[in-house]
PDB file of N, CA and C in Angstrom:
ATOM      1  N   MET A   1     100.060 132.332  49.295  1.00  0.00           N
ATOM      2  CA  MET A   1     101.056 133.162  49.774  1.00  0.00           C
ATOM      3  C   MET A   1     101.663 132.163  50.898  1.00  0.00           C
ATOM      4  N   THR A   2     102.997 131.850  50.721  1.00  0.00           N
ATOM      5  CA  THR A   2     103.596 131.054  51.559  1.00  0.00           C
ATOM      6  C   THR A   2     104.640 131.995  52.448  1.00  0.00           C
ATOM      7  N   THR A   3     104.992 131.473  53.672  1.00  0.00           N
ATOM      8  CA  THR A   3     105.890 132.146  54.525  1.00  0.00           C
ATOM      9  C   THR A   3     107.096 131.241  54.753  1.00  0.00           C
ATOM     10  N   ASP A   4     108.264 131.986  54.903  1.00  0.00           N
ATOM     11  CA  ASP A   4     109.500 131.197  55.050  1.00  0.00           C
ATOM     12  C   ASP A   4     109.753 130.853  56.478  1.00  0.00           C
ATOM     13  N   ALA A   5     108.947 131.066  57.404  1.00  0.00           N
ATOM     14  CA  ALA A   5     109.047 130.972  58.948  1.00  0.00           C
ATOM     15  C   ALA A   5     109.371 129.489  59.149  1.00  0.00           C
ATOM     16  N   ALA A   6     110.093 129.241  60.139  1.00  0.00           N
ATOM     17  CA  ALA A   6     110.361 128.070  60.716  1.00  0.00           C
ATOM     18  C   ALA A   6     109.256 127.470  61.520  1.00  0.00           C
ATOM     19  N   PRO A   7     108.882 126.174  61.515  1.00  0.00           N
ATOM     20  CA  PRO A   7     107.878 125.649  62.484  1.00  0.00           C
ATOM     21  C   PRO A   7     108.208 125.916  63.945  1.00  0.00           C
ATOM     22  N   PRO A   8     107.504 126.122  64.889  1.00  0.00           N
ATOM     23  CA  PRO A   8     107.792 126.220  66.258  1.00  0.00           C
ATOM     24  C   PRO A   8     108.634 125.066  66.765  1.00  0.00           C
ATOM     25  N   ALA A   9     109.584 125.398  67.489  1.00  0.00           N
ATOM     26  CA  ALA A   9     110.503 124.355  68.085  1.00  0.00           C
ATOM     27  C   ALA A   9     109.735 123.671  69.294  1.00  0.00           C
ATOM     28  N   LEU A  10     110.022 122.313  69.365  1.00  0.00           N
ATOM     29  CA  LEU A  10     109.345 121.476  70.384  1.00  0.00           C
ATOM     30  C   LEU A  10     110.167 121.751  71.706  1.00  0.00           C
ATOM     31  N   PRO A  11     109.704 121.678  72.836  1.00  0.00           N
ATOM     32  CA  PRO A  11     110.270 121.817  74.117  1.00  0.00           C
ATOM     33  C   PRO A  11     111.410 120.899  74.213  1.00  0.00           C
ATOM     34  N   PRO A  12     112.596 121.095  74.827  1.00  0.00           N
ATOM     35  CA  PRO A  12     113.548 120.098  74.852  1.00  0.00           C
ATOM     36  C   PRO A  12     113.201 118.929  75.635  1.00  0.00           C
ATOM     37  N   ALA A  13     113.601 117.711  75.308  1.00  0.00           N
ATOM     38  CA  ALA A  13     113.299 116.492  76.127  1.00  0.00           C
ATOM     39  C   ALA A  13     114.023 116.488  77.391  1.00  0.00           C
ATOM     40  N   SER A  14     113.479 115.974  78.348  1.00  0.00           N
ATOM     41  CA  SER A  14     114.032 115.788  79.721  1.00  0.00           C
ATOM     42  C   SER A  14     115.297 115.208  79.480  1.00  0.00           C
ATOM     43  N   ALA A  15     116.240 115.771  80.254  1.00  0.00           N
ATOM     44  CA  ALA A  15     117.595 115.169  80.123  1.00  0.00           C
ATOM     45  C   ALA A  15     117.787 113.981  81.080  1.00  0.00           C
ATOM     46  N   GLU A  16     117.208 114.033  82.235  1.00  0.00           N
ATOM     47  CA  GLU A  16     117.085 113.008  83.297  1.00  0.00           C
ATOM     48  C   GLU A  16     115.957 111.980  83.117  1.00  0.00           C
ATOM     49  N   PRO A  17     116.221 110.824  83.016  1.00  0.00           N
ATOM     50  CA  PRO A  17     115.109 109.764  83.096  1.00  0.00           C
ATOM     51  C   PRO A  17     114.426 109.796  84.479  1.00  0.00           C
ATOM     52  N   ARG A  18     113.237 109.146  84.485  1.00  0.00           N
ATOM     53  CA  ARG A  18     112.552 109.073  85.750  1.00  0.00           C
ATOM     54  C   ARG A  18     113.431 108.047  86.618  1.00  0.00           C
ATOM     55  N   PRO A  19     113.350 108.483  88.184  1.00  0.00           N
ATOM     56  CA  PRO A  19     114.116 107.506  88.842  1.00  0.00           C
ATOM     57  C   PRO A  19     113.555 106.093  88.973  1.00  0.00           C
ATOM     58  N   ARG A  20     114.223 105.030  89.033  1.00  0.00           N
ATOM     59  CA  ARG A  20     113.681 103.837  89.134  1.00  0.00           C
ATOM     60  C   ARG A  20     113.641 103.272  90.501  1.00  0.00           C
ATOM     61  N   ALA A  21     112.713 102.544  90.890  1.00  0.00           N
ATOM     62  CA  ALA A  21     112.491 101.960  92.138  1.00  0.00           C
ATOM     63  C   ALA A  21     113.782 100.885  92.306  1.00  0.00           C
ATOM     64  N   ARG A  22     114.298 100.974  93.639  1.00  0.00           N
ATOM     65  CA  ARG A  22     115.275  99.993  93.773  1.00  0.00           C
ATOM     66  C   ARG A  22     114.797  98.609  93.856  1.00  0.00           C
ATOM     67  N   THR A  23     115.574  97.499  93.491  1.00  0.00           N
ATOM     68  CA  THR A  23     115.029  96.254  93.605  1.00  0.00           C
ATOM     69  C   THR A  23     114.682  95.855  94.847  1.00  0.00           C
ATOM     70  N   GLY A  24     115.432  96.093  95.997  1.00  0.00           N
ATOM     71  CA  GLY A  24     114.995  95.621  97.279  1.00  0.00           C
ATOM     72  C   GLY A  24     113.899  96.421  97.698  1.00  0.00           C
ATOM     73  N   ASP A  25     113.536  97.416  97.343  1.00  0.00           N
ATOM     74  CA  ASP A  25     112.229  98.199  97.743  1.00  0.00           C
ATOM     75  C   ASP A  25     110.969  97.432  97.077  1.00  0.00           C
ATOM     76  N   VAL A  26     111.142  97.129  95.730  1.00  0.00           N
ATOM     77  CA  VAL A  26     110.110  96.317  95.021  1.00  0.00           C
ATOM     78  C   VAL A  26     109.870  95.172  95.790  1.00  0.00           C
ATOM     79  N   VAL A  27     110.946  94.321  95.919  1.00  0.00           N
ATOM     80  CA  VAL A  27     110.777  92.966  96.612  1.00  0.00           C
ATOM     81  C   VAL A  27     110.168  93.086  98.005  1.00  0.00           C
ATOM     82  N   ALA A  28     110.591  94.024  98.667  1.00  0.00           N
ATOM     83  CA  ALA A  28     110.170  94.236 100.082  1.00  0.00           C
ATOM     84  C   ALA A  28     108.513  94.616 100.183  1.00  0.00           C
ATOM     85  N   THR A  29     108.221  95.558  99.165  1.00  0.00           N
ATOM     86  CA  THR A  29     106.806  95.883  99.083  1.00  0.00           C
ATOM     87  C   THR A  29     105.919  94.706  98.545  1.00  0.00           C
ATOM     88  N   VAL A  30     106.307  94.021  97.576  1.00  0.00           N
ATOM     89  CA  VAL A  30     105.552  92.902  97.087  1.00  0.00           C
ATOM     90  C   VAL A  30     105.382  91.742  98.260  1.00  0.00           C
ATOM     91  N   VAL A  31     106.387  91.357  98.936  1.00  0.00           N
ATOM     92  CA  VAL A  31     106.387  90.461  99.973  1.00  0.00           C
ATOM     93  C   VAL A  31     105.474  91.053 100.992  1.00  0.00           C
ATOM     94  N   GLU A  32     105.554  92.294 101.449  1.00  0.00           N
ATOM     95  CA  GLU A  32     104.596  92.642 102.495  1.00  0.00           C
ATOM     96  C   GLU A  32     103.144  92.723 101.967  1.00  0.00           C
ATOM     97  N   ILE A  33     102.777  92.934 100.739  1.00  0.00           N
ATOM     98  CA  ILE A  33     101.375  92.872 100.356  1.00  0.00           C
ATOM     99  C   ILE A  33     100.896  91.401 100.307  1.00  0.00           C
ATOM    100  N   VAL A  34     101.759  90.533  99.837  1.00  0.00           N
ATOM    101  CA  VAL A  34     101.358  88.996  99.763  1.00  0.00           C
ATOM    102  C   VAL A  34     101.213  88.558 101.224  1.00  0.00           C
ATOM    103  N   LEU A  35     102.077  88.907 102.241  1.00  0.00           N
ATOM    104  CA  LEU A  35     101.997  88.329 103.497  1.00  0.00           C
ATOM    105  C   LEU A  35     100.723  88.924 104.215  1.00  0.00           C
ATOM    106  N   LEU A  36     100.631  90.370 104.024  1.00  0.00           N
ATOM    107  CA  LEU A  36      99.351  90.914 104.660  1.00  0.00           C
ATOM    108  C   LEU A  36      98.193  90.485 103.921  1.00  0.00           C
ATOM    109  N   GLY A  37      98.143  90.090 102.766  1.00  0.00           N
ATOM    110  CA  GLY A  37      97.006  89.530 102.110  1.00  0.00           C
ATOM    111  C   GLY A  37      96.637  88.098 102.655  1.00  0.00           C
ATOM    112  N   ALA A  38      97.649  87.334 102.958  1.00  0.00           N
ATOM    113  CA  ALA A  38      97.444  86.006 103.656  1.00  0.00           C
ATOM    114  C   ALA A  38      96.906  86.098 105.047  1.00  0.00           C
ATOM    115  N   LEU A  39      97.729  87.150 105.782  1.00  0.00           N
ATOM    116  CA  LEU A  39      96.991  87.291 107.083  1.00  0.00           C
ATOM    117  C   LEU A  39      95.739  87.859 107.012  1.00  0.00           C
ATOM    118  N   GLY A  40      95.472  88.518 105.958  1.00  0.00           N
ATOM    119  CA  GLY A  40      93.955  89.267 106.014  1.00  0.00           C
ATOM    120  C   GLY A  40      92.946  88.046 105.777  1.00  0.00           C
ATOM    121  N   LEU A  41      93.522  87.255 104.851  1.00  0.00           N
ATOM    122  CA  LEU A  41      92.565  86.045 104.662  1.00  0.00           C
ATOM    123  C   LEU A  41      92.152  85.334 105.871  1.00  0.00           C
ATOM    124  N   LEU A  42      93.169  85.058 106.569  1.00  0.00           N
ATOM    125  CA  LEU A  42      93.270  84.379 108.119  1.00  0.00           C
ATOM    126  C   LEU A  42      92.366  85.162 108.929  1.00  0.00           C
ATOM    127  N   ALA A  43      92.448  86.431 108.959  1.00  0.00           N
ATOM    128  CA  ALA A  43      91.672  87.395 109.925  1.00  0.00           C
ATOM    129  C   ALA A  43      90.312  87.404 109.504  1.00  0.00           C
ATOM    130  N   THR A  44      89.965  87.337 108.188  1.00  0.00           N
ATOM    131  CA  THR A  44      88.519  87.420 107.777  1.00  0.00           C
ATOM    132  C   THR A  44      87.786  85.935 108.194  1.00  0.00           C
ATOM    133  N   ILE A  45      88.639  84.942 108.102  1.00  0.00           N
ATOM    134  CA  ILE A  45      88.105  83.678 108.631  1.00  0.00           C
ATOM    135  C   ILE A  45      87.828  83.764 110.105  1.00  0.00           C
ATOM    136  N   GLY A  46      88.745  84.319 110.823  1.00  0.00           N
ATOM    137  CA  GLY A  46      88.846  84.385 112.220  1.00  0.00           C
ATOM    138  C   GLY A  46      87.481  85.390 112.621  1.00  0.00           C
ATOM    139  N   ALA A  47      87.262  86.434 111.960  1.00  0.00           N
ATOM    140  CA  ALA A  47      86.168  87.146 112.162  1.00  0.00           C
ATOM    141  C   ALA A  47      84.890  86.605 111.870  1.00  0.00           C
ATOM    142  N   ALA A  48      84.824  85.773 110.931  1.00  0.00           N
ATOM    143  CA  ALA A  48      83.626  84.911 110.839  1.00  0.00           C
ATOM    144  C   ALA A  48      83.170  84.109 111.984  1.00  0.00           C
ATOM    145  N   LEU A  49      84.279  83.725 112.744  1.00  0.00           N
ATOM    146  CA  LEU A  49      83.853  83.014 114.060  1.00  0.00           C
ATOM    147  C   LEU A  49      83.456  83.800 115.115  1.00  0.00           C
ATOM    148  N   LEU A  50      83.296  85.151 114.955  1.00  0.00           N
ATOM    149  CA  LEU A  50      82.785  85.979 116.025  1.00  0.00           C
ATOM    150  C   LEU A  50      81.279  85.797 116.073  1.00  0.00           C
ATOM    151  N   VAL A  51      80.632  85.079 114.917  1.00  0.00           N
ATOM    152  CA  VAL A  51      79.176  84.963 115.015  1.00  0.00           C
ATOM    153  C   VAL A  51      78.799  83.999 116.214  1.00  0.00           C
ATOM    154  N   MET A  52      79.786  83.141 116.773  1.00  0.00           N
ATOM    155  CA  MET A  52      79.624  82.283 117.809  1.00  0.00           C
ATOM    156  C   MET A  52      79.306  83.077 118.996  1.00  0.00           C
ATOM    157  N   ALA A  53      79.467  84.176 118.982  1.00  0.00           N
ATOM    158  CA  ALA A  53      79.384  85.091 120.356  1.00  0.00           C
ATOM    159  C   ALA A  53      77.717  85.167 120.492  1.00  0.00           C
ATOM    160  N   SER A  54      76.896  84.820 119.415  1.00  0.00           N
ATOM    161  CA  SER A  54      75.494  84.829 119.588  1.00  0.00           C
ATOM    162  C   SER A  54      74.797  83.486 119.971  1.00  0.00           C
ATOM    163  N   ASP A  55      75.758  82.547 120.294  1.00  0.00           N
ATOM    164  CA  ASP A  55      75.175  81.230 120.837  1.00  0.00           C
ATOM    165  C   ASP A  55      74.262  81.254 121.986  1.00  0.00           C
ATOM    166  N   SER A  56      74.641  82.180 122.819  1.00  0.00           N
ATOM    167  CA  SER A  56      73.744  82.269 124.041  1.00  0.00           C
ATOM    168  C   SER A  56      72.438  83.060 123.807  1.00  0.00           C
ATOM    169  N   CYS A  57      72.260  83.614 122.736  1.00  0.00           N
ATOM    170  CA  CYS A  57      71.124  84.498 122.440  1.00  0.00           C
ATOM    171  C   CYS A  57      69.836  83.722 122.443  1.00  0.00           C
ATOM    172  N   GLY A  58      68.829  84.164 123.016  1.00  0.00           N
ATOM    173  CA  GLY A  58      67.618  83.478 123.103  1.00  0.00           C
ATOM    174  C   GLY A  58      67.394  82.415 124.106  1.00  0.00           C
ATOM    175  N   SER A  59      68.500  82.382 125.006  1.00  0.00           N
ATOM    176  CA  SER A  59      68.261  81.244 126.153  1.00  0.00           C
ATOM    177  C   SER A  59      67.555  81.620 127.222  1.00  0.00           C
ATOM    178  N   GLY A  60      67.004  82.874 127.240  1.00  0.00           N
ATOM    179  CA  GLY A  60      66.253  83.387 128.277  1.00  0.00           C
ATOM    180  C   GLY A  60      67.085  84.376 129.265  1.00  0.00           C
ATOM    181  N   THR A  61      68.194  83.968 129.330  1.00  0.00           N
ATOM    182  CA  THR A  61      68.992  84.904 130.141  1.00  0.00           C
ATOM    183  C   THR A  61      69.832  85.987 129.467  1.00  0.00           C
ATOM    184  N   THR A  62      70.025  85.746 128.004  1.00  0.00           N
ATOM    185  CA  THR A  62      70.818  86.760 127.426  1.00  0.00           C
ATOM    186  C   THR A  62      69.989  87.352 126.204  1.00  0.00           C
ATOM    187  N   GLU A  63      69.930  88.743 126.234  1.00  0.00           N
ATOM    188  CA  GLU A  63      69.257  89.506 125.154  1.00  0.00           C
ATOM    189  C   GLU A  63      70.241  89.902 124.139  1.00  0.00           C
ATOM    190  N   CYS A  64      70.047  89.945 122.916  1.00  0.00           N
ATOM    191  CA  CYS A  64      71.141  90.266 121.876  1.00  0.00           C
ATOM    192  C   CYS A  64      70.346  91.203 120.836  1.00  0.00           C
ATOM    193  N   ASP A  65      71.176  91.918 120.456  1.00  0.00           N
ATOM    194  CA  ASP A  65      70.911  92.847 119.350  1.00  0.00           C
ATOM    195  C   ASP A  65      71.516  92.319 118.161  1.00  0.00           C
ATOM    196  N   THR A  66      70.793  91.734 117.207  1.00  0.00           N
ATOM    197  CA  THR A  66      71.208  91.043 116.023  1.00  0.00           C
ATOM    198  C   THR A  66      71.999  92.037 115.083  1.00  0.00           C
ATOM    199  N   GLY A  67      71.328  93.092 115.093  1.00  0.00           N
ATOM    200  CA  GLY A  67      71.770  94.314 114.170  1.00  0.00           C
ATOM    201  C   GLY A  67      73.381  94.533 114.478  1.00  0.00           C
ATOM    202  N   LEU A  68      73.582  94.859 115.845  1.00  0.00           N
ATOM    203  CA  LEU A  68      75.016  95.025 116.332  1.00  0.00           C
ATOM    204  C   LEU A  68      75.882  93.851 116.141  1.00  0.00           C
ATOM    205  N   LEU A  69      75.471  92.689 116.285  1.00  0.00           N
ATOM    206  CA  LEU A  69      76.178  91.441 116.044  1.00  0.00           C
ATOM    207  C   LEU A  69      76.501  91.378 114.639  1.00  0.00           C
ATOM    208  N   GLY A  70      75.606  91.653 113.764  1.00  0.00           N
ATOM    209  CA  GLY A  70      76.031  91.412 112.243  1.00  0.00           C
ATOM    210  C   GLY A  70      76.877  92.637 111.789  1.00  0.00           C
ATOM    211  N   ALA A  71      76.560  93.754 112.291  1.00  0.00           N
ATOM    212  CA  ALA A  71      77.533  94.860 111.827  1.00  0.00           C
ATOM    213  C   ALA A  71      78.962  94.595 112.410  1.00  0.00           C
ATOM    214  N   GLY A  72      79.058  94.123 113.581  1.00  0.00           N
ATOM    215  CA  GLY A  72      80.353  93.896 114.169  1.00  0.00           C
ATOM    216  C   GLY A  72      81.150  92.711 113.300  1.00  0.00           C
ATOM    217  N   VAL A  73      80.494  91.690 113.142  1.00  0.00           N
ATOM    218  CA  VAL A  73      81.017  90.550 112.396  1.00  0.00           C
ATOM    219  C   VAL A  73      81.516  90.943 111.048  1.00  0.00           C
ATOM    220  N   LEU A  74      80.621  91.741 110.257  1.00  0.00           N
ATOM    221  CA  LEU A  74      80.757  92.242 108.948  1.00  0.00           C
ATOM    222  C   LEU A  74      82.085  93.199 109.051  1.00  0.00           C
ATOM    223  N   LEU A  75      82.034  94.192 109.865  1.00  0.00           N
ATOM    224  CA  LEU A  75      83.301  95.135 109.946  1.00  0.00           C
ATOM    225  C   LEU A  75      84.552  94.407 110.235  1.00  0.00           C
ATOM    226  N   ALA A  76      84.446  93.398 111.194  1.00  0.00           N
ATOM    227  CA  ALA A  76      85.696  92.624 111.582  1.00  0.00           C
ATOM    228  C   ALA A  76      86.227  91.896 110.262  1.00  0.00           C
ATOM    229  N   ALA A  77      85.218  91.342 109.468  1.00  0.00           N
ATOM    230  CA  ALA A  77      85.712  90.546 108.331  1.00  0.00           C
ATOM    231  C   ALA A  77      86.098  91.301 107.165  1.00  0.00           C
ATOM    232  N   VAL A  78      85.733  92.633 107.019  1.00  0.00           N
ATOM    233  CA  VAL A  78      86.115  93.318 105.811  1.00  0.00           C
ATOM    234  C   VAL A  78      87.273  94.257 106.146  1.00  0.00           C
ATOM    235  N   ALA A  79      87.600  94.398 107.493  1.00  0.00           N
ATOM    236  CA  ALA A  79      88.669  95.406 107.980  1.00  0.00           C
ATOM    237  C   ALA A  79      89.985  95.134 107.229  1.00  0.00           C
ATOM    238  N   PRO A  80      90.390  93.911 107.217  1.00  0.00           N
ATOM    239  CA  PRO A  80      91.737  93.732 106.386  1.00  0.00           C
ATOM    240  C   PRO A  80      91.737  94.346 105.077  1.00  0.00           C
ATOM    241  N   TRP A  81      90.723  94.180 104.349  1.00  0.00           N
ATOM    242  CA  TRP A  81      90.718  94.625 103.006  1.00  0.00           C
ATOM    243  C   TRP A  81      90.491  96.034 102.681  1.00  0.00           C
ATOM    244  N   VAL A  82      89.756  96.570 103.717  1.00  0.00           N
ATOM    245  CA  VAL A  82      89.483  98.059 103.661  1.00  0.00           C
ATOM    246  C   VAL A  82      90.801  98.739 103.865  1.00  0.00           C
ATOM    247  N   ALA A  83      91.600  98.146 104.806  1.00  0.00           N
ATOM    248  CA  ALA A  83      92.883  98.840 105.151  1.00  0.00           C
ATOM    249  C   ALA A  83      94.080  98.401 104.157  1.00  0.00           C
ATOM    250  N   LEU A  84      93.996  97.230 103.559  1.00  0.00           N
ATOM    251  CA  LEU A  84      95.087  96.885 102.818  1.00  0.00           C
ATOM    252  C   LEU A  84      95.133  97.222 101.336  1.00  0.00           C
ATOM    253  N   VAL A  85      93.913  97.091 100.714  1.00  0.00           N
ATOM    254  CA  VAL A  85      93.609  97.376  99.375  1.00  0.00           C
ATOM    255  C   VAL A  85      94.103  98.825  98.978  1.00  0.00           C
ATOM    256  N   PRO A  86      93.732  99.840  99.689  1.00  0.00           N
ATOM    257  CA  PRO A  86      94.211 101.219  99.311  1.00  0.00           C
ATOM    258  C   PRO A  86      95.603 101.443  99.550  1.00  0.00           C
ATOM    259  N   ALA A  87      96.121 100.758 100.642  1.00  0.00           N
ATOM    260  CA  ALA A  87      97.515 100.999 100.847  1.00  0.00           C
ATOM    261  C   ALA A  87      98.360 100.249  99.887  1.00  0.00           C
ATOM    262  N   ALA A  88      97.991  99.149  99.388  1.00  0.00           N
ATOM    263  CA  ALA A  88      98.635  98.401  98.226  1.00  0.00           C
ATOM    264  C   ALA A  88      98.647  99.118  96.929  1.00  0.00           C
ATOM    265  N   VAL A  89      97.513  99.769  96.613  1.00  0.00           N
ATOM    266  CA  VAL A  89      97.458 100.528  95.383  1.00  0.00           C
ATOM    267  C   VAL A  89      98.470 101.656  95.550  1.00  0.00           C
ATOM    268  N   TRP A  90      98.283 102.452  96.760  1.00  0.00           N
ATOM    269  CA  TRP A  90      99.165 103.619  96.830  1.00  0.00           C
ATOM    270  C   TRP A  90     100.660 103.312  96.720  1.00  0.00           C
ATOM    271  N   ALA A  91     101.022 102.219  97.449  1.00  0.00           N
ATOM    272  CA  ALA A  91     102.407 101.517  97.365  1.00  0.00           C
ATOM    273  C   ALA A  91     102.681 101.227  95.984  1.00  0.00           C
ATOM    274  N   ILE A  92     102.010 100.664  95.207  1.00  0.00           N
ATOM    275  CA  ILE A  92     102.347 100.194  93.820  1.00  0.00           C
ATOM    276  C   ILE A  92     102.596 101.600  92.811  1.00  0.00           C
ATOM    277  N   ALA A  93     101.645 102.548  93.138  1.00  0.00           N
ATOM    278  CA  ALA A  93     101.860 103.953  92.490  1.00  0.00           C
ATOM    279  C   ALA A  93     103.143 104.560  92.758  1.00  0.00           C
ATOM    280  N   ARG A  94     103.546 104.422  94.215  1.00  0.00           N
ATOM    281  CA  ARG A  94     104.650 105.088  94.382  1.00  0.00           C
ATOM    282  C   ARG A  94     105.954 104.238  93.761  1.00  0.00           C
ATOM    283  N   LEU A  95     105.797 103.015  93.736  1.00  0.00           N
ATOM    284  CA  LEU A  95     106.871 102.254  93.095  1.00  0.00           C
ATOM    285  C   LEU A  95     106.947 102.524  91.450  1.00  0.00           C
ATOM    286  N   VAL A  96     105.840 102.646  90.849  1.00  0.00           N
ATOM    287  CA  VAL A  96     105.934 103.130  89.431  1.00  0.00           C
ATOM    288  C   VAL A  96     106.477 104.441  89.097  1.00  0.00           C
ATOM    289  N   ARG A  97     106.350 105.289  90.167  1.00  0.00           N
ATOM    290  CA  ARG A  97     107.012 106.533  90.154  1.00  0.00           C
ATOM    291  C   ARG A  97     108.340 106.614  90.586  1.00  0.00           C
ATOM    292  N   GLY A  98     109.037 105.558  90.890  1.00  0.00           N
ATOM    293  CA  GLY A  98     110.273 105.412  91.459  1.00  0.00           C
ATOM    294  C   GLY A  98     110.502 105.945  92.788  1.00  0.00           C
ATOM    295  N   ARG A  99     109.415 105.781  93.657  1.00  0.00           N
ATOM    296  CA  ARG A  99     109.676 106.177  95.134  1.00  0.00           C
ATOM    297  C   ARG A  99     109.447 104.958  95.894  1.00  0.00           C
ATOM    298  N   SER A 100     110.023 105.093  97.094  1.00  0.00           N
ATOM    299  CA  SER A 100     109.877 103.975  98.113  1.00  0.00           C
ATOM    300  C   SER A 100     108.350 103.706  98.402  1.00  0.00           C
ATOM    301  N   GLY A 101     108.013 102.459  98.497  1.00  0.00           N
ATOM    302  CA  GLY A 101     106.661 101.982  98.820  1.00  0.00           C
ATOM    303  C   GLY A 101     106.488 101.002  99.967  1.00  0.00           C
ATOM    304  N   TRP A 102     107.552 100.601 100.432  1.00  0.00           N
ATOM    305  CA  TRP A 102     107.440  99.474 101.522  1.00  0.00           C
ATOM    306  C   TRP A 102     106.867  99.932 102.720  1.00  0.00           C
ATOM    307  N   TRP A 103     107.020 101.084 103.153  1.00  0.00           N
ATOM    308  CA  TRP A 103     106.299 101.637 104.500  1.00  0.00           C
ATOM    309  C   TRP A 103     104.822 102.089 104.146  1.00  0.00           C
ATOM    310  N   VAL A 104     104.393 102.341 102.899  1.00  0.00           N
ATOM    311  CA  VAL A 104     103.095 102.485 102.884  1.00  0.00           C
ATOM    312  C   VAL A 104     102.226 101.288 103.200  1.00  0.00           C
ATOM    313  N   VAL A 105     102.692 100.111 102.706  1.00  0.00           N
ATOM    314  CA  VAL A 105     101.826  98.971 103.064  1.00  0.00           C
ATOM    315  C   VAL A 105     101.754  98.681 104.539  1.00  0.00           C
ATOM    316  N   LEU A 106     102.787  99.055 105.416  1.00  0.00           N
ATOM    317  CA  LEU A 106     102.793  98.885 106.918  1.00  0.00           C
ATOM    318  C   LEU A 106     101.795  99.838 107.464  1.00  0.00           C
ATOM    319  N   LEU A 107     101.337 100.963 106.718  1.00  0.00           N
ATOM    320  CA  LEU A 107     100.477 101.885 107.349  1.00  0.00           C
ATOM    321  C   LEU A 107      99.036 101.249 107.466  1.00  0.00           C
ATOM    322  N   SER A 108      98.826 100.047 106.733  1.00  0.00           N
ATOM    323  CA  SER A 108      97.570  99.387 106.809  1.00  0.00           C
ATOM    324  C   SER A 108      97.166  98.648 108.100  1.00  0.00           C
ATOM    325  N   VAL A 109      98.342  98.300 108.766  1.00  0.00           N
ATOM    326  CA  VAL A 109      98.293  97.426 109.947  1.00  0.00           C
ATOM    327  C   VAL A 109      97.533  98.340 111.115  1.00  0.00           C
ATOM    328  N   PRO A 110      97.926  99.430 111.358  1.00  0.00           N
ATOM    329  CA  PRO A 110      97.113 100.193 112.489  1.00  0.00           C
ATOM    330  C   PRO A 110      95.543 100.379 112.001  1.00  0.00           C
ATOM    331  N   GLY A 111      95.406 100.557 110.719  1.00  0.00           N
ATOM    332  CA  GLY A 111      93.948 100.821 110.242  1.00  0.00           C
ATOM    333  C   GLY A 111      93.146  99.602 110.467  1.00  0.00           C
ATOM    334  N   TYR A 112      93.813  98.399 110.099  1.00  0.00           N
ATOM    335  CA  TYR A 112      93.184  97.232 110.268  1.00  0.00           C
ATOM    336  C   TYR A 112      92.971  96.902 111.795  1.00  0.00           C
ATOM    337  N   LEU A 113      93.810  97.083 112.500  1.00  0.00           N
ATOM    338  CA  LEU A 113      93.578  96.806 114.184  1.00  0.00           C
ATOM    339  C   LEU A 113      92.457  97.729 114.647  1.00  0.00           C
ATOM    340  N   VAL A 114      92.397  98.866 114.357  1.00  0.00           N
ATOM    341  CA  VAL A 114      91.267  99.771 114.643  1.00  0.00           C
ATOM    342  C   VAL A 114      90.002  99.363 114.168  1.00  0.00           C
ATOM    343  N   LEU A 115      89.869  98.969 112.876  1.00  0.00           N
ATOM    344  CA  LEU A 115      88.571  98.711 112.361  1.00  0.00           C
ATOM    345  C   LEU A 115      88.088  97.256 112.982  1.00  0.00           C
ATOM    346  N   ALA A 116      89.069  96.307 113.056  1.00  0.00           N
ATOM    347  CA  ALA A 116      88.757  95.032 113.594  1.00  0.00           C
ATOM    348  C   ALA A 116      88.349  95.264 115.170  1.00  0.00           C
ATOM    349  N   GLY A 117      89.012  96.053 115.867  1.00  0.00           N
ATOM    350  CA  GLY A 117      88.778  96.269 117.218  1.00  0.00           C
ATOM    351  C   GLY A 117      87.383  96.789 117.416  1.00  0.00           C
ATOM    352  N   VAL A 118      86.970  97.790 116.572  1.00  0.00           N
ATOM    353  CA  VAL A 118      85.702  98.412 116.626  1.00  0.00           C
ATOM    354  C   VAL A 118      84.663  97.124 116.425  1.00  0.00           C
ATOM    355  N   GLY A 119      84.958  96.230 115.380  1.00  0.00           N
ATOM    356  CA  GLY A 119      83.920  95.195 114.968  1.00  0.00           C
ATOM    357  C   GLY A 119      83.826  94.351 116.219  1.00  0.00           C
ATOM    358  N   VAL A 120      84.769  93.905 116.939  1.00  0.00           N
ATOM    359  CA  VAL A 120      84.668  93.128 118.128  1.00  0.00           C
ATOM    360  C   VAL A 120      84.100  93.713 119.145  1.00  0.00           C
ATOM    361  N   LEU A 121      84.153  95.024 119.241  1.00  0.00           N
ATOM    362  CA  LEU A 121      83.356  95.844 120.354  1.00  0.00           C
ATOM    363  C   LEU A 121      81.933  95.744 119.910  1.00  0.00           C
ATOM    364  N   LEU A 122      81.633  96.070 118.789  1.00  0.00           N
ATOM    365  CA  LEU A 122      80.208  95.887 118.336  1.00  0.00           C
ATOM    366  C   LEU A 122      79.658  94.478 118.689  1.00  0.00           C
ATOM    367  N   VAL A 123      80.471  93.532 118.447  1.00  0.00           N
ATOM    368  CA  VAL A 123      79.921  92.059 118.711  1.00  0.00           C
ATOM    369  C   VAL A 123      79.649  92.054 120.209  1.00  0.00           C
ATOM    370  N   ALA A 124      80.553  92.504 120.980  1.00  0.00           N
ATOM    371  CA  ALA A 124      80.476  92.337 122.476  1.00  0.00           C
ATOM    372  C   ALA A 124      79.340  93.246 122.951  1.00  0.00           C
ATOM    373  N   ARG A 125      79.067  94.451 122.467  1.00  0.00           N
ATOM    374  CA  ARG A 125      77.789  95.182 122.815  1.00  0.00           C
ATOM    375  C   ARG A 125      76.686  94.685 122.252  1.00  0.00           C
ATOM    376  N   GLY A 126      76.674  93.876 121.405  1.00  0.00           N
ATOM    377  CA  GLY A 126      75.320  93.115 120.792  1.00  0.00           C
ATOM    378  C   GLY A 126      74.854  92.078 121.794  1.00  0.00           C
ATOM    379  N   VAL A 127      75.798  91.469 122.605  1.00  0.00           N
ATOM    380  CA  VAL A 127      75.506  90.486 123.466  1.00  0.00           C
ATOM    381  C   VAL A 127      75.361  90.985 124.855  1.00  0.00           C
ATOM    382  N   THR A 128      74.129  91.024 125.505  1.00  0.00           N
ATOM    383  CA  THR A 128      73.942  91.787 126.686  1.00  0.00           C
ATOM    384  C   THR A 128      73.623  90.672 127.692  1.00  0.00           C
ATOM    385  N   ALA A 129      74.187  90.589 128.993  1.00  0.00           N
ATOM    386  CA  ALA A 129      73.699  89.702 129.821  1.00  0.00           C
ATOM    387  C   ALA A 129      72.487  90.011 130.618  1.00  0.00           C
TER     388      ALA A 129
END
């Protein structure tokens, strides 16, 4: 038994294409990601130098909490990447969707400053006079 009914119609295709990201926005976002990545590398190297705060430990006049020292150095060293990587992924996702993404990368800067500051404070608390 055959029917003469027509197959169901497909929904109409979208008349408007997805918006494209502007070239200037893409360039600005990529430049920010690269620059903040380079600064993050320098900040990680600088954070590794925080370990020199423990030079006076064991001299008899200074007591140190090596756990706090280690946690502070580690936090300060990974802070740029904990802040930058999610922001870069979010910015790239916004660019793919045709939205502005340059400002998203800049949101990682305060996050980095807070995390690195906490790391420095932990190192300072780890060395007591």
